[in-house]
């Protein structure tokens, strides 16, 4: 097969890969990528603020509805209760971003001595944080 045919075949294959299985580039629209980037940035800010016990800063990117139902004092209460249930926090795993039910979600494991809690940060279409969930995903029994 001549080199030109190989090049054309390679480029056609790359076009298929980039377009996705549906054959259209709409699967990864720029709007989705920017919402993912905003949600990632907001999640990073939230995690950094939680690490520093700065609960006002942790809620800064919450949308109005979430800010109303989950104020800094409630976040502090919930977050600071985790060590009593799961032991000392050992670290945080790498966050992963995806789409769940039409929303961008960043998930990261919070690793404790006696278990793991998954932090889920849900973002709206504008990238603001619309929900925060702290879900136990692995609980080890006390020795």
Protein backbone atom coordinates (compact mmCIF):
# COMPACT_ATOMS: atom_id res chain seq x y z
CA UNK A 1 0.00 0.00 0.00
CA UNK A 2 1.51 3.36 -0.96
CA UNK A 3 2.38 5.88 1.76
CA UNK A 4 -0.29 8.30 0.56
CA UNK A 5 -3.02 5.64 1.03
CA UNK A 6 -1.74 4.88 4.53
CA UNK A 7 -1.78 8.57 5.42
CA UNK A 8 -5.34 9.00 4.16
CA UNK A 9 -6.48 5.87 6.00
CA UNK A 10 -4.79 7.10 9.20
CA UNK A 11 -6.42 10.54 8.92
CA UNK A 12 -9.85 9.01 8.25
CA UNK A 13 -9.41 6.74 11.28
CA UNK A 14 -8.43 9.71 13.47
CA UNK A 15 -11.48 11.65 12.25
CA UNK A 16 -13.69 8.72 13.31
CA UNK A 17 -12.02 8.51 16.73
CA UNK A 18 -12.34 12.25 17.32
CA UNK A 19 -15.96 12.32 16.16
CA UNK A 20 -16.91 9.49 18.49
CA UNK A 21 -19.08 6.45 17.88
CA UNK A 22 -22.07 8.47 16.65
CA UNK A 23 -20.04 10.03 13.87
CA UNK A 24 -20.54 13.57 15.10
CA UNK A 25 -18.24 15.85 17.02
CA UNK A 26 -21.19 17.01 19.16
CA UNK A 27 -20.42 14.31 21.75
CA UNK A 28 -17.68 16.58 23.19
CA UNK A 29 -19.02 20.06 22.55
CA UNK A 30 -16.95 23.02 23.75
CA UNK A 31 -19.79 23.96 26.15
CA UNK A 32 -19.46 20.60 27.96
CA UNK A 33 -15.70 20.93 28.16
CA UNK A 34 -15.91 24.40 29.70
CA UNK A 35 -18.54 23.30 32.26
CA UNK A 36 -16.26 20.40 33.16
CA UNK A 37 -13.32 22.79 33.57
CA UNK A 38 -15.38 25.14 35.75
CA UNK A 39 -16.68 22.28 37.86
CA UNK A 40 -13.14 20.91 38.28
CA UNK A 41 -11.92 24.36 39.36
CA UNK A 42 -14.80 24.81 41.81
CA UNK A 43 -14.22 21.34 43.25
CA UNK A 44 -10.51 22.11 43.71
CA UNK A 45 -11.36 25.35 45.49
CA UNK A 46 -13.87 23.53 47.69
CA UNK A 47 -11.38 20.79 48.63
CA UNK A 48 -8.63 23.31 49.39
CA UNK A 49 -11.01 25.31 51.58
CA UNK A 50 -12.12 22.17 53.44
CA UNK A 51 -8.46 21.25 54.03
CA UNK A 52 -8.01 24.67 55.65
CA UNK A 53 -11.31 24.60 57.61
CA UNK A 54 -12.42 27.69 55.67
CA UNK A 55 -16.11 26.88 55.30
CA UNK A 56 -17.14 30.31 53.97
CA UNK A 57 -14.64 29.90 51.12
CA UNK A 58 -15.80 26.30 50.58
CA UNK A 59 -19.32 27.50 49.85
CA UNK A 60 -18.32 30.49 47.69
CA UNK A 61 -19.08 28.68 44.39
CA UNK A 62 -22.42 27.24 45.57
CA UNK A 63 -25.45 28.36 43.60
CA UNK A 64 -28.12 30.30 45.52
CA UNK A 65 -30.31 27.26 46.21
CA UNK A 66 -27.44 25.18 47.62
CA UNK A 67 -26.12 28.12 49.65
CA UNK A 68 -29.60 28.43 51.18
CA UNK A 69 -29.92 24.77 52.19
CA UNK A 70 -26.24 24.08 52.96
CA UNK A 71 -24.71 27.13 54.67
CA UNK A 72 -21.08 27.17 55.92
CA UNK A 73 -22.11 26.22 59.49
CA UNK A 74 -23.90 23.05 58.28
CA UNK A 75 -20.98 22.12 56.02
CA UNK A 76 -18.60 22.58 58.97
CA UNK A 77 -20.78 20.39 61.19
CA UNK A 78 -21.01 17.60 58.59
CA UNK A 79 -17.37 17.70 57.52
CA UNK A 80 -15.95 17.85 61.03
CA UNK A 81 -18.15 14.91 62.09
CA UNK A 82 -16.47 12.58 59.57
CA UNK A 83 -13.37 11.79 61.71
CA UNK A 84 -15.53 10.72 64.66
CA UNK A 85 -17.20 8.14 62.42
CA UNK A 86 -14.25 7.08 60.23
CA UNK A 87 -11.08 8.02 62.13
CA UNK A 88 -8.31 10.38 61.14
CA UNK A 89 -8.32 11.58 57.54
CA UNK A 90 -5.35 10.09 55.70
CA UNK A 91 -5.76 11.87 52.38
CA UNK A 92 -7.82 12.44 49.31
CA UNK A 93 -7.78 10.41 46.13
CA UNK A 94 -7.66 11.80 42.63
CA UNK A 95 -10.88 13.50 41.53
CA UNK A 96 -12.77 12.21 38.49
CA UNK A 97 -15.15 14.28 36.39
CA UNK A 98 -18.06 13.00 34.35
CA UNK A 99 -21.69 13.52 33.45
CA UNK A 100 -24.44 12.02 35.59
CA UNK A 101 -28.10 12.65 34.84
CA UNK A 102 -27.33 15.66 32.67
CA UNK A 103 -25.10 17.32 35.27
CA UNK A 104 -21.34 17.55 35.51
CA UNK A 105 -20.11 15.73 38.61
CA UNK A 106 -16.67 15.67 40.21
CA UNK A 107 -16.09 12.73 42.55
CA UNK A 108 -13.14 12.24 44.86
CA UNK A 109 -12.54 9.67 47.59
CA UNK A 110 -11.77 11.00 51.07
CA UNK A 111 -9.68 8.33 52.75
CA UNK A 112 -9.95 7.84 56.51
CA UNK A 113 -8.44 5.28 58.90
CA UNK A 114 -11.68 3.30 59.07
CA UNK A 115 -13.32 3.97 55.75
CA UNK A 116 -13.73 5.98 52.61
CA UNK A 117 -16.24 8.71 51.88
CA UNK A 118 -16.88 9.85 48.33
CA UNK A 119 -17.30 13.59 47.92
CA UNK A 120 -19.60 14.35 44.99
CA UNK A 121 -19.69 17.89 43.65
CA UNK A 122 -22.55 18.42 41.19
CA UNK A 123 -22.45 21.46 38.91
CA UNK A 124 -25.16 23.20 36.93
CA UNK A 125 -24.95 24.30 33.31
CA UNK A 126 -23.19 27.52 34.37
CA UNK A 127 -20.53 25.57 36.31
CA UNK A 128 -21.73 26.66 39.76
CA UNK A 129 -21.94 23.99 42.47
CA UNK A 130 -25.56 22.84 42.67
CA UNK A 131 -25.14 19.93 45.10
CA UNK A 132 -22.56 18.48 47.47
CA UNK A 133 -22.81 14.95 48.82
CA UNK A 134 -20.54 13.14 51.26
CA UNK A 135 -21.34 9.45 50.75
CA UNK A 136 -19.75 6.62 52.75
CA UNK A 137 -18.44 4.11 50.19
CA UNK A 138 -16.36 1.80 52.36
CA UNK A 139 -16.60 1.33 56.12
CA UNK A 140 -14.20 -0.86 58.04
CA UNK A 141 -15.12 -2.23 61.42
CA UNK A 142 -13.28 -0.97 64.45
CA UNK A 143 -10.54 -3.35 65.62
